[in-house]
Amino acid sequence: MQLRSLGRTNLRVSPLMLGGNVFGWTADEPTSFAILDAFAAAGGNFIDTANVYSVWVPGHVGGESETVMGKWFKRSGKRKDFVVATKVGMQMAADQKGLAAAYIERAVEESLRRLQSDYIDIYFSHTDDATTPLDETLGAYQRLIDSGKVRVIGASNYTGARLRAALSLHDKQKLPRYEVLQPHYNLAVRTDYETTLEPVCKEQGVGVVPYYSLASGFLTGKYRSEADLSKSPRGRGAKAHLNERGFRILAALDSVAKELHATDAQVALAWLMARKSITAPIASATSVAQVQELAGAMNLQLGTDAIERLNRASAA
C-alpha cells in the first residue's frame, strides 16, 4: 500500500479514508477506539468526520463523532500521524448552519475543542450555501489558514458550476482554493460526478474523496432483496438499487471478487481507487472485522478486464 498525494497539496494519504459518521452512533466509544486502532494498524492515516455527526440521533446535539475521535487521539498520541477532515455548514441547530464567516469562525473553535487538536488538516464546506457570497466564505477560510488552525479546505455537495466559480476566486482575488472535493460517487451512482464534477477536478488538480462509496452498503452484497434491508439501520439507503441494474452490478462484483479471492466491498472500493481522478474513497465500519475487510482493498489491484466488466455492468 502506497500513500497518495492529495490534489495539489503536500498531504500524503492512504488510498482509503475511514468514515467517522458512525463514531458515537452505531459504534459506541470502545468500539470506535478499536476501529481506529485497527485502521492505524492496517496503514490507514486518513479520517473523515463532521461537526453535524450525529445530530439526527435522538438525544444527540452534533459533535459526537469529533468528540470520540478527540478522545482517541489523546489516548493514542497519534494525532500527528493522521490527516483529519471535518466539516461545517449543515444544520446543527437553528442558529448553527451555513457558511457565513461569523459562523465558520465559531464552528471551527468548537470542532478543534472536540477533536482536542490545535489544527484541522482539511476543513470542508459540507454543503453549498447560496445565501452567503463565495468570497465571504473563502475569506473566512483564509484567516483560519493564516492562523494555522486549518491547513487546506475542501468542498462537499457542490455542483460543478459552483465548484468552478469558487476555484476562479483563487486567481481573481487570491483567495484559498478548494483543494479537495467530496462528492456522492460509487459504482452504482456514477452519472453526476463523471459528467459535471470530474472534468473540473481533473482540469484544476482537485483531490477527490467520494462518500457513500459502498452505496449505503448495497455494494457489500448484503442487500439482495427488500427483506434484507432490515439488517442495518442504514439498509433503507440501499433500497433504490434493488433493480435490474443493481443486480447486474452485484453479479459483476460477485464474479470479480470470486476470481480475486476478495469480497464485493473490497472490489467496489478498489474500482474507485483505480479511477485516476479519485484520491481515496470514504467507507465506514462498525466493527474491527469490517475495518480490516475494508482496509484489504488498499492492497487489491484490479486488472483492465475486471474494471471493464464492472464499468459495463454499471453503465447507466
Protein backbone atom coordinates (compact mmCIF):
# COMPACT_ATOMS: atom_id res chain seq x y z
CA MET A 1 0.00 0.00 0.00
CA GLN A 2 1.40 3.37 -1.05
CA LEU A 3 0.33 6.78 0.19
CA ARG A 4 -1.16 9.12 -2.40
CA SER A 5 -0.78 12.85 -2.98
CA LEU A 6 -3.97 14.76 -2.21
CA GLY A 7 -4.59 17.03 -5.18
CA ARG A 8 -2.08 19.86 -5.34
CA THR A 9 -1.38 19.82 -1.60
CA ASN A 10 1.64 18.35 0.17
CA LEU A 11 -0.61 15.99 2.15
CA ARG A 12 0.07 12.27 1.67
CA VAL A 13 -2.84 9.97 2.45
CA SER A 14 -3.82 6.32 2.43
CA PRO A 15 -5.97 5.22 -0.55
CA LEU A 16 -8.88 4.59 1.83
CA MET A 17 -10.45 7.28 4.02
CA LEU A 18 -12.17 5.99 7.14
CA GLY A 19 -15.63 7.44 7.65
CA GLY A 20 -16.25 8.71 11.17
CA ASN A 21 -20.00 9.21 10.84
CA VAL A 22 -20.66 6.04 12.89
CA PHE A 23 -18.50 7.03 15.88
CA GLY A 24 -20.72 7.67 18.87
CA TRP A 25 -23.73 6.44 16.88
CA THR A 26 -23.79 2.84 15.62
CA ALA A 27 -20.29 2.33 17.03
CA ASP A 28 -20.02 3.19 20.73
CA GLU A 29 -16.85 4.72 22.15
CA PRO A 30 -14.95 1.47 22.95
CA THR A 31 -15.86 0.03 19.54
CA SER A 32 -14.86 3.27 17.80
CA PHE A 33 -11.48 3.19 19.57
CA ALA A 34 -10.94 -0.40 18.43
CA ILE A 35 -11.87 0.52 14.84
CA LEU A 36 -9.40 3.42 14.85
CA ASP A 37 -6.69 1.19 16.30
CA ALA A 38 -7.32 -1.40 13.57
CA PHE A 39 -7.29 1.22 10.80
CA ALA A 40 -3.98 2.60 12.04
CA ALA A 41 -2.53 -0.92 12.26
CA ALA A 42 -3.54 -1.52 8.62
CA GLY A 43 -1.60 1.54 7.49
CA GLY A 44 -4.53 3.95 7.18
CA ASN A 45 -3.91 7.60 8.04
CA PHE A 46 -6.93 9.42 6.59
CA ILE A 47 -10.16 10.05 8.58
CA ASP A 48 -13.36 11.93 7.77
CA THR A 49 -15.89 13.42 10.17
CA ALA A 50 -18.16 16.46 10.50
CA ASN A 51 -19.50 18.69 13.24
CA VAL A 52 -23.05 17.59 12.43
CA TYR A 53 -22.36 13.87 13.14
CA SER A 54 -24.66 12.59 14.66
CA VAL A 55 -27.32 15.22 15.29
CA TRP A 56 -30.03 13.00 13.73
CA VAL A 57 -29.89 10.55 16.64
CA PRO A 58 -32.45 11.24 19.41
CA GLY A 59 -30.66 12.89 22.32
CA HIS A 60 -27.63 13.91 20.26
CA VAL A 61 -26.71 17.52 19.50
CA GLY A 62 -23.92 17.04 16.98
CA GLY A 63 -20.20 16.76 17.57
CA GLU A 64 -20.40 13.23 18.94
CA SER A 65 -18.07 11.81 16.28
CA GLU A 66 -15.48 14.56 16.70
CA THR A 67 -15.57 14.05 20.48
CA VAL A 68 -14.87 10.33 20.17
CA MET A 69 -12.02 10.99 17.75
CA GLY A 70 -10.53 13.61 20.05
CA LYS A 71 -10.53 11.17 22.96
CA TRP A 72 -8.82 8.55 20.79
CA PHE A 73 -6.16 11.00 19.66
CA LYS A 74 -5.45 11.92 23.27
CA ARG A 75 -5.25 8.26 24.32
CA SER A 76 -3.21 7.06 21.35
CA GLY A 77 -0.97 10.09 20.83
CA LYS A 78 -1.43 9.62 17.07
CA ARG A 79 -2.88 13.00 16.06
CA LYS A 80 0.18 13.98 14.02
CA ASP A 81 0.14 10.62 12.23
CA PHE A 82 -3.28 11.28 10.71
CA VAL A 83 -4.79 13.56 8.09
CA VAL A 84 -8.10 14.60 9.63
CA ALA A 85 -11.00 16.19 7.78
CA THR A 86 -14.07 17.70 9.37
CA LYS A 87 -16.86 19.87 8.02
CA VAL A 88 -19.04 22.89 8.65
CA GLY A 89 -22.26 24.10 7.08
CA MET A 90 -25.03 21.57 7.56
CA GLN A 91 -27.64 22.48 10.15
CA MET A 92 -26.89 21.51 13.74
CA ALA A 93 -29.43 23.93 15.23
CA ALA A 94 -31.46 26.92 14.07
CA ASP A 95 -28.51 29.25 14.63
CA GLN A 96 -25.82 26.77 13.62
CA LYS A 97 -25.75 26.32 9.86
CA GLY A 98 -24.44 27.80 6.63
CA LEU A 99 -21.12 29.24 5.53
CA ALA A 100 -21.24 32.83 6.79
CA ALA A 101 -17.85 33.96 8.09
CA ALA A 102 -19.07 34.55 11.65
CA TYR A 103 -20.49 31.05 11.90
CA ILE A 104 -17.40 29.38 10.41
CA GLU A 105 -15.18 31.19 12.92
CA ARG A 106 -17.39 29.99 15.77
CA ALA A 107 -17.78 26.43 14.48
CA VAL A 108 -14.08 25.82 13.90
CA GLU A 109 -13.29 26.56 17.54
CA GLU A 110 -15.90 24.04 18.67
CA SER A 111 -14.54 21.38 16.30
CA LEU A 112 -10.97 21.98 17.45
CA ARG A 113 -12.06 21.63 21.07
CA ARG A 114 -13.88 18.37 20.43
CA LEU A 115 -11.01 16.97 18.35
CA GLN A 116 -8.54 18.02 21.07
CA SER A 117 -6.33 19.44 18.34
CA ASP A 118 -4.97 22.87 17.53
CA TYR A 119 -5.38 22.39 13.77
CA ILE A 120 -7.60 20.70 11.18
CA ASP A 121 -5.91 19.21 8.13
CA ILE A 122 -8.89 19.60 5.77
CA TYR A 123 -11.88 21.80 6.60
CA PHE A 124 -14.82 21.11 4.30
CA SER A 125 -17.78 23.23 3.36
CA HIS A 126 -20.28 20.44 3.99
CA THR A 127 -22.85 21.81 1.57
CA ASP A 128 -23.10 24.88 -0.63
CA ASP A 129 -24.65 27.99 0.89
CA ALA A 130 -26.16 30.14 -1.86
CA THR A 131 -27.14 32.83 0.67
CA THR A 132 -23.50 33.64 1.51
CA PRO A 133 -21.12 35.10 -1.09
CA LEU A 134 -18.33 32.72 -2.02
CA ASP A 135 -15.70 35.34 -1.27
CA GLU A 136 -17.02 35.78 2.28
CA THR A 137 -16.73 32.03 2.93
CA LEU A 138 -13.29 31.76 1.34
CA GLY A 139 -12.12 34.88 3.16
CA ALA A 140 -13.03 33.27 6.49
CA TYR A 141 -11.06 30.18 5.50
CA GLN A 142 -8.10 32.35 4.55
CA ARG A 143 -7.98 33.76 8.06
CA LEU A 144 -8.11 30.25 9.53
CA ILE A 145 -5.28 29.12 7.24
CA ASP A 146 -3.22 32.19 8.14
CA SER A 147 -3.72 31.48 11.86
CA GLY A 148 -2.62 27.85 11.46
CA LYS A 149 -5.98 26.42 12.52
CA VAL A 150 -6.68 24.92 9.08
CA ARG A 151 -4.22 23.50 6.56
CA VAL A 152 -6.36 23.19 3.42
CA ILE A 153 -10.05 23.49 2.54
CA GLY A 154 -12.47 21.27 0.66
CA ALA A 155 -15.99 21.32 -0.76
CA SER A 156 -18.73 18.72 -0.39
CA ASN A 157 -22.07 18.56 -2.21
CA TYR A 158 -21.16 21.34 -4.67
CA THR A 159 -22.27 21.39 -8.28
CA GLY A 160 -19.63 21.55 -10.98
CA ALA A 161 -20.58 25.15 -11.77
CA ARG A 162 -20.34 26.33 -8.17
CA LEU A 163 -17.06 24.49 -7.64
CA ARG A 164 -15.61 26.16 -10.73
CA ALA A 165 -16.87 29.56 -9.56
CA ALA A 166 -15.22 29.10 -6.17
CA LEU A 167 -11.94 27.99 -7.74
CA SER A 168 -11.92 31.04 -10.02
CA LEU A 169 -11.70 33.33 -6.98
CA HIS A 170 -8.22 31.99 -6.28
CA ASP A 171 -6.94 33.71 -9.41
CA LYS A 172 -9.20 36.75 -9.25
CA GLN A 173 -8.91 37.62 -5.56
CA LYS A 174 -6.06 35.38 -4.34
CA LEU A 175 -8.46 33.58 -2.02
CA PRO A 176 -7.74 29.95 -0.98
CA ARG A 177 -8.75 27.12 -3.28
CA TYR A 178 -10.93 24.18 -2.52
CA GLU A 179 -8.18 21.56 -2.85
CA VAL A 180 -10.45 18.55 -2.24
CA LEU A 181 -13.94 17.61 -3.36
CA GLN A 182 -16.21 15.19 -1.50
CA PRO A 183 -18.96 14.06 -3.90
CA HIS A 184 -21.54 11.27 -3.87
CA TYR A 185 -19.96 8.68 -6.15
CA ASN A 186 -19.75 4.92 -6.37
CA LEU A 187 -20.18 2.01 -8.77
CA ALA A 188 -23.97 2.38 -8.56
CA VAL A 189 -24.12 6.22 -8.70
CA ARG A 190 -21.88 7.48 -11.49
CA THR A 191 -23.51 9.99 -13.82
CA ASP A 192 -23.43 13.29 -11.93
CA TYR A 193 -19.81 13.05 -10.83
CA GLU A 194 -18.48 11.77 -14.13
CA THR A 195 -20.30 14.34 -16.28
CA THR A 196 -20.23 17.56 -14.22
CA LEU A 197 -17.63 17.31 -11.46
CA GLU A 198 -14.83 15.05 -12.64
CA PRO A 199 -13.89 17.32 -15.59
CA VAL A 200 -13.43 20.28 -13.21
CA CYS A 201 -11.38 18.24 -10.74
CA LYS A 202 -9.09 16.83 -13.42
CA GLU A 203 -8.59 20.23 -15.03
CA GLN A 204 -7.93 22.02 -11.74
CA GLY A 205 -5.98 19.29 -9.94
CA VAL A 206 -8.54 18.90 -7.15
CA GLY A 207 -8.30 15.76 -5.00
CA VAL A 208 -11.47 13.66 -4.73
CA VAL A 209 -12.72 11.64 -1.74
CA PRO A 210 -16.20 10.26 -2.57
CA TYR A 211 -18.75 9.45 0.11
CA TYR A 212 -21.31 6.61 0.02
CA SER A 213 -18.56 4.61 -1.66
CA LEU A 214 -20.45 1.40 -0.95
CA ALA A 215 -23.89 2.83 -1.80
CA SER A 216 -25.18 2.62 1.78
CA GLY A 217 -23.95 -0.95 1.99
CA PHE A 218 -25.56 -2.17 -1.23
CA LEU A 219 -22.17 -2.83 -2.85
CA THR A 220 -21.16 -5.12 0.01
CA GLY A 221 -23.68 -7.60 -1.40
CA LYS A 222 -25.64 -8.00 1.82
CA TYR A 223 -28.80 -6.37 0.46
CA ARG A 224 -30.25 -8.51 -2.32
CA SER A 225 -33.96 -8.21 -1.51
CA GLU A 226 -36.24 -5.88 0.42
CA ALA A 227 -36.24 -8.43 3.24
CA ASP A 228 -32.51 -7.77 3.67
CA LEU A 229 -32.94 -4.03 4.28
CA SER A 230 -33.63 -4.55 7.98
CA LYS A 231 -30.13 -5.96 8.52
CA SER A 232 -28.76 -2.49 9.33
CA PRO A 233 -30.00 0.97 10.38
CA ARG A 234 -28.63 2.21 7.05
CA GLY A 235 -30.25 -0.54 4.99
CA ARG A 236 -33.07 1.62 3.69
CA GLY A 237 -30.48 3.64 1.75
CA ALA A 238 -29.78 0.57 -0.39
CA LYS A 239 -33.41 0.14 -1.47
CA ALA A 240 -33.04 2.40 -4.52
CA HIS A 241 -30.54 -0.02 -6.03
CA LEU A 242 -32.73 -3.10 -5.86
CA ASN A 243 -33.46 -3.13 -9.59
CA GLU A 244 -32.20 -4.75 -12.79
CA ARG A 245 -29.10 -2.54 -13.00
CA GLY A 246 -28.30 -3.05 -9.32
CA PHE A 247 -28.50 -6.82 -9.62
CA ARG A 248 -26.28 -6.66 -12.72
CA ILE A 249 -23.68 -4.74 -10.69
CA LEU A 250 -23.82 -7.28 -7.87
CA ALA A 251 -23.36 -10.14 -10.32
CA ALA A 252 -20.23 -8.46 -11.72
CA LEU A 253 -18.90 -7.79 -8.22
CA ASP A 254 -19.54 -11.40 -7.22
CA SER A 255 -17.66 -12.66 -10.28
CA VAL A 256 -14.62 -10.42 -9.87
CA ALA A 257 -14.48 -10.99 -6.12
CA LYS A 258 -14.50 -14.76 -6.58
CA GLU A 259 -11.64 -14.58 -9.09
CA LEU A 260 -9.52 -12.38 -6.81
CA HIS A 261 -10.41 -14.17 -3.55
CA ALA A 262 -11.76 -10.86 -2.29
CA THR A 263 -15.13 -9.56 -1.09
CA ASP A 264 -17.65 -7.48 -3.00
CA ALA A 265 -16.90 -4.48 -0.78
CA GLN A 266 -13.18 -4.73 -1.44
CA VAL A 267 -13.75 -4.89 -5.19
CA ALA A 268 -16.16 -1.92 -5.15
CA LEU A 269 -13.60 0.17 -3.26
CA ALA A 270 -10.73 -0.99 -5.47
CA TRP A 271 -12.76 0.08 -8.54
CA LEU A 272 -12.93 3.60 -7.10
CA MET A 273 -9.25 3.58 -6.14
CA ALA A 274 -8.33 2.62 -9.71
CA ARG A 275 -10.06 5.66 -11.23
CA LYS A 276 -7.42 8.28 -11.95
CA SER A 277 -9.39 11.22 -10.59
CA ILE A 278 -10.08 9.56 -7.21
CA THR A 279 -7.68 10.04 -4.30
CA ALA A 280 -9.43 7.85 -1.72
CA PRO A 281 -12.99 6.59 -1.27
CA ILE A 282 -14.62 7.01 2.13
CA ALA A 283 -16.04 3.97 3.91
CA SER A 284 -17.13 3.46 7.50
CA ALA A 285 -17.06 0.37 9.70
CA THR A 286 -18.87 -0.64 12.87
CA SER A 287 -16.53 -3.46 13.90
CA VAL A 288 -12.85 -4.36 13.77
CA ALA A 289 -13.64 -7.17 11.32
CA GLN A 290 -15.31 -4.69 8.97
CA VAL A 291 -12.45 -2.20 9.05
CA GLN A 292 -9.97 -4.99 8.40
CA GLU A 293 -12.03 -6.10 5.40
CA LEU A 294 -12.25 -2.55 4.03
CA ALA A 295 -8.54 -1.96 4.58
CA GLY A 296 -7.85 -5.03 2.45
CA ALA A 297 -8.99 -3.03 -0.58
CA MET A 298 -5.87 -0.85 -0.26
CA ASN A 299 -3.78 -3.78 -1.47
CA LEU A 300 -6.18 -5.09 -4.11
CA GLN A 301 -5.27 -4.43 -7.74
CA LEU A 302 -7.96 -4.77 -10.40
CA GLY A 303 -6.90 -5.73 -13.90
CA THR A 304 -8.16 -3.93 -17.00
CA ASP A 305 -10.61 -6.74 -17.78
CA ALA A 306 -12.15 -6.63 -14.30
CA ILE A 307 -12.54 -2.86 -14.45
CA GLU A 308 -14.18 -3.04 -17.87
CA ARG A 309 -16.64 -5.70 -16.70
CA LEU A 310 -17.61 -3.54 -13.74
CA ASN A 311 -17.93 -0.49 -16.00
CA ARG A 312 -20.23 -2.32 -18.40
CA ALA A 313 -22.37 -3.72 -15.61
CA SER A 314 -22.80 -0.30 -14.02
CA ALA A 315 -23.38 1.68 -17.22
CA ALA A 316 -26.43 3.92 -16.93
